[in-house]
Protein backbone atom coordinates (compact mmCIF):
# COMPACT_ATOMS: atom_id res chain seq x y z
CA MET A 1 -25.81 -2.56 154.38
CA THR A 2 -27.29 -5.38 156.43
CA ASP A 3 -30.53 -3.48 157.04
CA PRO A 4 -33.06 -3.88 154.19
CA LYS A 5 -34.75 -0.67 155.41
CA GLN A 6 -31.73 1.21 154.04
CA ALA A 7 -32.43 0.02 150.49
CA PRO A 8 -35.07 2.69 149.68
CA TRP A 9 -32.71 5.44 150.85
CA LEU A 10 -29.83 4.01 148.83
CA LEU A 11 -31.99 3.60 145.72
CA HIS A 12 -33.20 7.19 145.97
CA PHE A 13 -29.64 8.43 146.49
CA GLN A 14 -28.37 6.49 143.49
CA GLN A 15 -31.22 7.70 141.30
CA SER A 16 -30.39 11.30 142.19
CA MET A 17 -26.73 10.65 141.34
CA PHE A 18 -27.64 9.12 137.97
CA GLU A 19 -29.74 12.14 137.12
CA ALA A 20 -27.33 14.80 138.45
CA LYS A 21 -25.20 15.16 135.29
CA ALA A 22 -27.61 13.57 132.84
CA SER A 23 -29.12 15.41 129.92
CA THR A 24 -32.89 15.74 129.73
CA ALA A 25 -32.98 12.87 127.23
CA LEU A 26 -30.94 10.62 129.53
CA LYS A 27 -33.13 11.51 132.50
CA ASP A 28 -36.24 10.68 130.49
CA ARG A 29 -34.73 7.37 129.36
CA PHE A 30 -33.74 6.50 132.93
CA ASP A 31 -37.21 7.37 134.26
CA THR A 32 -39.15 5.54 131.54
CA VAL A 33 -36.92 2.55 130.69
CA LEU A 34 -34.49 1.71 133.46
CA GLN A 35 -36.13 2.91 136.67
CA PRO A 36 -39.27 0.77 136.16
CA VAL A 37 -37.05 -2.32 135.72
CA ILE A 38 -35.05 -1.47 138.85
CA ASN A 39 -38.22 -0.81 140.84
CA ALA A 40 -39.75 -4.11 139.74
CA ASN A 41 -36.58 -6.00 140.68
CA PHE A 42 -36.85 -4.64 144.20
CA ALA A 43 -40.62 -4.83 144.59
CA ASN A 44 -41.21 -8.31 143.15
CA SER A 45 -40.71 -11.50 145.09
CA PRO A 46 -38.10 -12.76 145.24
CA SER A 47 -36.60 -9.32 145.62
CA SER A 48 -33.12 -8.30 144.54
CA ILE A 49 -32.74 -6.17 147.70
CA PRO A 50 -30.60 -8.74 149.57
CA ALA A 51 -28.21 -9.12 146.61
CA PHE A 52 -28.05 -5.35 146.10
CA LEU A 53 -27.24 -4.71 149.75
CA SER A 54 -24.65 -7.49 149.76
CA MET A 55 -22.97 -6.18 146.60
CA THR A 56 -22.90 -2.65 147.98
CA GLY A 57 -21.66 -3.78 151.37
CA ASP A 58 -18.89 -5.88 149.77
CA ALA A 59 -17.61 -3.13 147.47
CA VAL A 60 -14.34 -2.59 149.35
CA SER A 61 -13.48 -6.30 149.54
CA ASN A 62 -14.44 -6.78 145.88
CA LEU A 63 -12.13 -3.93 144.90
CA ALA A 64 -9.28 -5.50 146.86
CA PHE A 65 -9.90 -8.89 145.25
CA ASN A 66 -10.02 -7.40 141.75
CA THR A 67 -6.88 -5.33 142.37
CA ARG A 68 -4.98 -8.49 143.30
CA HIS A 69 -5.90 -9.94 139.90
CA ALA A 70 -5.02 -6.89 137.77
CA SER A 71 -1.97 -8.68 136.37
CA ASP A 72 -4.34 -11.11 134.64
CA LEU A 73 -5.70 -8.16 132.67
CA ARG A 74 -2.21 -7.08 131.62
CA ALA A 75 -1.62 -10.58 130.24
CA PHE A 76 -4.73 -10.34 128.02
CA THR A 77 -3.42 -9.31 124.60
CA PRO A 78 -6.45 -9.30 122.26
CA PRO A 79 -7.94 -5.87 121.46
CA VAL A 80 -10.19 -4.47 124.20
CA GLN A 81 -12.58 -1.62 123.67
CA LEU A 82 -14.17 0.03 126.68
CA ILE A 83 -17.50 1.64 125.86
CA TRP A 84 -18.02 4.37 128.43
CA GLY A 85 -20.79 6.80 129.35
CA THR A 86 -19.41 10.30 129.86
CA ALA A 87 -22.26 11.19 132.25
CA ASP A 88 -21.68 8.18 134.55
CA PRO A 89 -21.56 9.57 138.11
CA TYR A 90 -19.73 6.55 139.52
CA LEU A 91 -17.45 5.21 136.84
CA ASN A 92 -16.02 8.47 135.55
CA SER A 93 -13.40 9.00 132.85
CA GLY A 94 -10.60 8.52 135.40
CA VAL A 95 -11.93 5.05 136.21
CA CYS A 96 -12.20 4.31 132.50
CA GLU A 97 -8.64 5.42 131.78
CA ALA A 98 -7.28 3.45 134.74
CA LEU A 99 -9.08 0.31 133.57
CA ALA A 100 -7.95 0.80 129.97
CA ALA A 101 -4.36 1.14 131.19
CA GLN A 102 -4.58 -2.40 132.59
CA PHE A 103 -4.85 -3.90 129.10
CA PRO A 104 -1.92 -3.81 126.69
CA ASN A 105 -4.15 -3.29 123.63
CA SER A 106 -7.12 -1.16 124.66
CA ARG A 107 -9.04 1.79 123.39
CA ILE A 108 -11.91 3.81 124.77
CA LYS A 109 -15.15 4.68 123.02
CA SER A 110 -16.86 7.45 124.98
CA LEU A 111 -20.56 8.02 124.47
CA PRO A 112 -22.85 10.75 125.83
CA ALA A 113 -24.51 8.18 128.09
CA ASN A 114 -24.94 7.45 131.77
CA HIS A 115 -24.00 4.36 133.83
CA TRP A 116 -25.68 1.99 131.38
CA PRO A 117 -24.68 3.07 127.86
CA GLN A 118 -26.22 -0.12 126.45
CA ILE A 119 -29.60 1.11 127.66
CA ASP A 120 -29.11 4.82 127.01
CA LEU A 121 -27.68 4.46 123.49
CA PRO A 122 -28.11 0.85 122.38
CA GLN A 123 -27.52 1.58 118.68
CA ASP A 124 -24.28 3.44 119.41
CA VAL A 125 -23.04 0.66 121.69
CA ALA A 126 -23.86 -1.96 119.05
CA ALA A 127 -22.06 0.08 116.39
CA ALA A 128 -18.99 0.42 118.64
CA MET A 129 -18.98 -3.32 119.30
CA LEU A 130 -19.34 -4.14 115.60
CA ALA A 131 -16.50 -1.75 114.75
CA VAL A 132 -14.19 -3.82 116.96
CA VAL A 133 -15.31 -7.06 115.33
CA ALA A 134 -14.80 -5.58 111.85
CA ALA A 135 -11.32 -4.22 112.65
């Protein structure tokens, strides 16, 4: 991930993954709302390509760091609601359930969304957040 020339390949690969299990509506939303933002972030100067490649290249070490701090999550006792997209190709339901299990007082709100439920279904995410506040 040190070669910026790999960024276009990685972006294309990720886009195909995001669209693989997505409904037509989610694909349209990705193509018309999110993809233009992502493209601009990479095309504009300064570009987010170096940060993207660094984040991707550091994924294993970031996971190890976060795993070492999982006990901090178990000590967090306020209610936690995870709002999850069921069509997310990377953070699937198993990831969601494993993360929820780290908190002593968690619940999951699944939505028919992709990796970014707040962009795919902003009203549903807002409603889910407000339901936690009202509870």
